[in-house]
Amino acid sequence: MSILPFATVPAPVWLTAVILGYVILQRLAELWIAQGNTSDLLASGGREVAAEHYVLLVVMHAAWLTGLVVFAFGQPVTMWALALFGVVQLLRIWTLATLGRRWTTRIIVVPGETLVASGPFRYVSHPNYLVVIAEILLLPLVFGLPLYAAVFSALNAAVLTIRISAEERALAPVRQVWSTTPDPQ
């Protein structure tokens, strides 16, 4: 049952398939893009940092998406959650477009590169992690699965705690240089 029963619509199989198919194709395309960007960054002198936690990230996301494929079919669609999920997708596109060739699913540090400070990075240090947090919460809620949303949000929080800590350590030297560089204005 949805959190807000009045905000749900019966979901034909095709609607559930379209929503989940979009997310699956999006993730596959992103992995393909990330792999290319990772190769380019490594070829330009970058180095991967804290690779040991990457498997946790992959397993958690794969389990989340696989479970949704199992549990979402036959559930009504919660329209407010679907609308919010759509807004989050716009933030995802903005974030990835801002990062461009620097976007990857791994932590790659390229000597001499400066931090991205445009787009959503003007407002928050890790906009893509906010997107992922919102997606892992909202997509199960689209299908009226609040317990599923809570469990995977907790797992995601644990993985992101490790991930963001590792990324912050890797970027600390870059942030130090960035914060001591005079503003040209």
Protein backbone atom coordinates (compact mmCIF):
# COMPACT_ATOMS: atom_id res chain seq x y z
CA MET A 1 0.00 0.00 0.00
CA SER A 2 1.26 3.47 -0.86
CA ILE A 3 2.18 6.01 1.77
CA LEU A 4 -0.49 8.31 0.31
CA PRO A 5 -3.19 6.00 -1.11
CA PHE A 6 -5.04 8.86 -2.83
CA ALA A 7 -1.94 9.70 -4.86
CA THR A 8 -1.62 6.32 -6.55
CA VAL A 9 -2.80 5.00 -9.86
CA PRO A 10 -3.15 1.37 -10.87
CA ALA A 11 0.00 0.44 -12.72
CA PRO A 12 -0.29 -1.60 -15.87
CA VAL A 13 2.68 -3.88 -16.44
CA TRP A 14 3.92 -1.68 -19.28
CA LEU A 15 4.16 1.40 -17.00
CA THR A 16 6.22 -0.46 -14.42
CA ALA A 17 8.37 -1.88 -17.24
CA VAL A 18 8.92 1.59 -18.72
CA ILE A 19 9.94 3.10 -15.36
CA LEU A 20 12.28 0.25 -14.42
CA GLY A 21 13.53 -0.12 -17.99
CA TYR A 22 14.48 3.57 -18.01
CA VAL A 23 16.47 3.18 -14.79
CA ILE A 24 18.18 -0.02 -15.95
CA LEU A 25 19.13 1.47 -19.34
CA GLN A 26 20.27 4.66 -17.64
CA ARG A 27 22.53 2.73 -15.27
CA LEU A 28 23.99 0.62 -18.09
CA ALA A 29 24.66 3.72 -20.21
CA GLU A 30 26.27 5.44 -17.24
CA LEU A 31 28.53 2.46 -16.57
CA TRP A 32 29.61 2.52 -20.21
CA ILE A 33 30.29 6.28 -20.09
CA ALA A 34 32.04 5.97 -16.71
CA GLN A 35 34.30 3.21 -18.03
CA GLY A 36 35.36 5.39 -20.96
CA ASN A 37 35.91 8.41 -18.71
CA THR A 38 37.88 6.31 -16.23
CA SER A 39 40.15 5.03 -19.01
CA ASP A 40 40.69 8.58 -20.29
CA LEU A 41 41.42 9.95 -16.81
CA LEU A 42 43.89 7.13 -16.06
CA ALA A 43 45.55 7.65 -19.45
CA SER A 44 46.00 11.34 -18.64
CA GLY A 45 47.91 10.53 -15.45
CA GLY A 46 45.06 10.02 -13.03
CA ARG A 47 45.14 7.42 -10.30
CA GLU A 48 42.33 5.51 -8.70
CA VAL A 49 41.90 5.95 -4.97
CA ALA A 50 40.14 3.66 -2.48
CA ALA A 51 39.11 1.05 -5.03
CA GLU A 52 38.48 -1.56 -2.33
CA HIS A 53 35.01 -0.23 -1.48
CA TYR A 54 33.82 -0.10 -5.11
CA VAL A 55 32.46 -3.65 -5.00
CA LEU A 56 30.16 -2.64 -2.10
CA LEU A 57 28.76 0.16 -4.22
CA VAL A 58 28.14 -2.13 -7.19
CA VAL A 59 26.58 -4.95 -5.14
CA MET A 60 24.29 -2.58 -3.24
CA HIS A 61 23.04 -0.88 -6.42
CA ALA A 62 22.60 -4.19 -8.24
CA ALA A 63 20.64 -5.65 -5.31
CA TRP A 64 18.47 -2.52 -5.07
CA LEU A 65 17.58 -2.59 -8.74
CA THR A 66 17.12 -6.38 -8.90
CA GLY A 67 14.80 -6.29 -5.90
CA LEU A 68 12.74 -3.56 -7.52
CA VAL A 69 12.31 -5.68 -10.62
CA VAL A 70 11.07 -8.50 -8.37
CA PHE A 71 8.77 -6.47 -6.10
CA ALA A 72 7.51 -3.52 -8.18
CA PHE A 73 5.39 -5.35 -10.74
CA GLY A 74 1.76 -5.43 -9.68
CA GLN A 75 2.16 -2.44 -7.35
CA PRO A 76 0.30 0.83 -7.94
CA VAL A 77 2.36 3.83 -8.97
CA THR A 78 2.57 6.71 -6.50
CA MET A 79 2.44 9.80 -8.66
CA TRP A 80 4.03 12.31 -6.26
CA ALA A 81 7.07 10.02 -5.85
CA LEU A 82 7.30 9.53 -9.62
CA ALA A 83 7.18 13.32 -10.14
CA LEU A 84 9.94 13.86 -7.55
CA PHE A 85 11.96 11.08 -9.16
CA GLY A 86 11.63 12.95 -12.46
CA VAL A 87 12.95 16.16 -10.87
CA VAL A 88 15.88 14.20 -9.43
CA GLN A 89 16.68 12.97 -12.94
CA LEU A 90 17.06 16.58 -14.06
CA LEU A 91 19.56 17.15 -11.25
CA ARG A 92 21.38 13.96 -12.33
CA ILE A 93 21.67 15.22 -15.91
CA TRP A 94 22.84 18.66 -14.74
CA THR A 95 25.47 17.10 -12.48
CA LEU A 96 26.82 14.68 -15.07
CA ALA A 97 26.83 17.36 -17.78
CA THR A 98 28.75 19.69 -15.47
CA LEU A 99 31.38 17.02 -14.74
CA GLY A 100 31.64 15.95 -18.37
CA ARG A 101 34.68 13.75 -18.97
CA ARG A 102 35.50 13.87 -15.25
CA TRP A 103 32.40 11.90 -14.26
CA THR A 104 33.09 8.31 -13.31
CA THR A 105 31.80 5.77 -10.82
CA ARG A 106 35.27 5.46 -9.34
CA ILE A 107 37.40 7.95 -7.43
CA ILE A 108 40.05 9.15 -9.87
CA VAL A 109 42.43 11.96 -8.99
CA VAL A 110 44.30 13.65 -11.83
CA PRO A 111 47.33 15.70 -10.73
CA GLY A 112 47.02 19.35 -11.69
CA GLU A 113 43.24 19.28 -12.11
CA THR A 114 41.18 21.77 -10.16
CA LEU A 115 37.84 21.07 -8.52
CA VAL A 116 34.68 21.63 -10.50
CA ALA A 117 32.95 24.70 -9.09
CA SER A 118 30.19 25.32 -11.62
CA GLY A 119 26.69 23.92 -12.07
CA PRO A 120 25.30 22.25 -8.97
CA PHE A 121 28.79 22.19 -7.44
CA ARG A 122 28.33 25.92 -6.71
CA TYR A 123 25.77 24.89 -4.11
CA VAL A 124 26.86 21.50 -2.78
CA SER A 125 30.08 19.46 -2.78
CA HIS A 126 28.59 16.12 -3.83
CA PRO A 127 25.41 16.67 -5.88
CA ASN A 128 25.56 13.23 -7.48
CA TYR A 129 25.47 11.57 -4.07
CA LEU A 130 22.36 13.61 -3.24
CA VAL A 131 20.84 12.33 -6.47
CA VAL A 132 21.66 8.73 -5.57
CA ILE A 133 20.26 9.16 -2.05
CA ALA A 134 17.03 10.54 -3.49
CA GLU A 135 16.76 7.82 -6.15
CA ILE A 136 17.28 4.97 -3.72
CA LEU A 137 14.58 6.43 -1.50
CA LEU A 138 12.11 7.57 -4.17
CA LEU A 139 12.02 4.73 -6.69
CA PRO A 140 10.75 2.17 -4.17
CA LEU A 141 8.22 4.77 -2.97
CA VAL A 142 7.02 5.11 -6.58
CA PHE A 143 5.83 1.52 -6.18
CA GLY A 144 4.56 1.91 -2.62
CA LEU A 145 7.44 0.05 -1.01
CA PRO A 146 8.40 2.17 2.03
CA LEU A 147 10.14 -0.62 3.95
CA TYR A 148 12.23 -1.42 0.86
CA ALA A 149 13.08 2.29 0.57
CA ALA A 150 14.11 2.42 4.24
CA VAL A 151 16.29 -0.71 4.11
CA PHE A 152 18.16 0.31 0.98
CA SER A 153 18.47 3.92 2.15
CA ALA A 154 20.21 2.62 5.29
CA LEU A 155 22.51 0.37 3.22
CA ASN A 156 23.23 3.25 0.87
CA ALA A 157 24.04 5.53 3.82
CA ALA A 158 26.57 3.00 5.07
CA VAL A 159 28.23 2.65 1.66
CA LEU A 160 28.21 6.41 1.02
CA THR A 161 29.79 7.06 4.42
CA ILE A 162 32.76 4.97 3.29
CA ARG A 163 32.71 6.44 -0.23
CA ILE A 164 32.47 10.12 0.67
CA SER A 165 35.11 9.76 3.37
CA ALA A 166 37.49 8.19 0.85
CA GLU A 167 36.71 10.84 -1.75
CA GLU A 168 37.21 13.68 0.73
CA ARG A 169 40.61 12.25 1.72
CA ALA A 170 41.59 11.95 -1.95
CA LEU A 171 40.47 15.50 -2.74
CA ALA A 172 41.90 17.13 0.40
CA PRO A 173 45.18 18.14 -1.27
CA VAL A 174 43.27 19.60 -4.23
CA ARG A 175 40.93 21.48 -1.88
CA GLN A 176 43.96 22.83 0.00
CA VAL A 177 45.53 24.19 -3.18
CA TRP A 178 42.16 25.49 -4.34
CA SER A 179 41.45 27.30 -1.07
CA THR A 180 44.87 29.00 -1.02
CA THR A 181 44.77 30.14 -4.67
CA PRO A 182 43.96 33.85 -4.92
CA ASP A 183 40.62 34.70 -6.53
CA PRO A 184 41.33 36.42 -9.88
CA GLN A 185 38.41 38.84 -9.39
